[in-house]
Amino acid sequence: MGSALRQLKKNKSPMQKFEAAYDKGYMAGAGEQKKADVEHVWNLLQSLEQIPGIGPQTAEKVRQHFLTKPNK
């Protein structure tokens, strides 16, 4: 029984290889999406004064709200 179990663990099925490759690609894509999201929010925060009705004081308050970490 022990040698059969070791043999099963040793030989990976094609599905396990596929899942490993899928997970690797998914994580790479998630990292790229996170970078793009951060860049988009940063650009929005930089151009707050261009929105009608938002002045320098309000823009600074919004920036401080998004740039400070919440206390957990």
Protein backbone atom coordinates (compact mmCIF):
# COMPACT_ATOMS: atom_id res chain seq x y z
CA MET A 1 0.00 0.00 0.00
CA GLY A 2 2.78 2.44 0.86
CA SER A 3 4.63 2.03 -2.43
CA ALA A 4 1.43 2.49 -4.45
CA LEU A 5 0.69 5.74 -2.61
CA ARG A 6 4.22 6.99 -3.21
CA GLN A 7 3.86 6.13 -6.90
CA LEU A 8 0.61 8.11 -7.13
CA LYS A 9 2.20 11.15 -5.47
CA LYS A 10 5.24 10.89 -7.72
CA ASN A 11 3.32 10.90 -11.02
CA LYS A 12 1.38 14.13 -11.45
CA SER A 13 -1.70 13.93 -13.59
CA PRO A 14 -2.05 16.25 -16.59
CA MET A 15 -4.85 18.05 -14.73
CA GLN A 16 -2.51 18.88 -11.84
CA LYS A 17 0.01 20.31 -14.29
CA PHE A 18 -2.73 22.34 -15.95
CA GLU A 19 -3.96 23.66 -12.59
CA ALA A 20 -0.44 24.67 -11.59
CA ALA A 21 0.06 26.56 -14.86
CA TYR A 22 -3.38 28.15 -14.55
CA ASP A 23 -2.67 29.31 -10.99
CA LYS A 24 0.67 30.76 -12.04
CA GLY A 25 -0.93 32.71 -14.90
CA TYR A 26 -3.84 33.81 -12.72
CA MET A 27 -1.50 35.21 -10.07
CA ALA A 28 0.57 37.02 -12.71
CA GLY A 29 -2.59 38.54 -14.18
CA ALA A 30 -3.86 39.53 -10.74
CA GLY A 31 -0.58 41.31 -10.04
CA GLU A 32 -0.75 43.23 -13.31
CA GLN A 33 -4.38 44.20 -12.65
CA LYS A 34 -3.47 45.46 -9.18
CA LYS A 35 -0.71 47.63 -10.64
CA ALA A 36 -3.11 49.05 -13.23
CA ASP A 37 -5.75 49.75 -10.56
CA VAL A 38 -3.27 51.58 -8.34
CA GLU A 39 -2.07 53.68 -11.27
CA HIS A 40 -5.66 54.56 -12.22
CA VAL A 41 -6.57 55.65 -8.68
CA TRP A 42 -3.35 57.63 -8.42
CA ASN A 43 -4.18 59.49 -11.63
CA LEU A 44 -7.68 60.24 -10.34
CA LEU A 45 -6.31 61.61 -7.08
CA GLN A 46 -3.83 63.81 -8.95
CA SER A 47 -6.55 65.40 -11.07
CA LEU A 48 -9.22 66.04 -8.44
CA GLU A 49 -9.04 69.83 -8.84
CA GLN A 50 -10.17 69.50 -12.46
CA ILE A 51 -13.58 68.24 -11.33
CA PRO A 52 -16.07 71.13 -11.03
CA GLY A 53 -16.93 71.89 -7.41
CA ILE A 54 -13.77 70.38 -5.91
CA GLY A 55 -11.26 72.91 -4.70
CA PRO A 56 -7.82 72.47 -3.18
CA GLN A 57 -9.11 71.88 0.37
CA THR A 58 -11.64 69.24 -0.62
CA ALA A 59 -9.11 67.56 -2.92
CA GLU A 60 -6.61 67.36 -0.05
CA LYS A 61 -9.23 65.85 2.26
CA VAL A 62 -10.10 63.20 -0.33
CA ARG A 63 -6.42 62.39 -0.89
CA GLN A 64 -5.80 62.05 2.84
CA HIS A 65 -8.79 59.75 3.14
CA PHE A 66 -7.51 57.38 0.43
CA LEU A 67 -3.81 57.56 1.30
CA THR A 68 -4.09 56.79 5.03
CA LYS A 69 -4.30 53.21 6.18
CA PRO A 70 -7.33 52.24 8.23
CA ASN A 71 -6.74 51.25 11.86
CA LYS A 72 -7.41 47.55 12.21
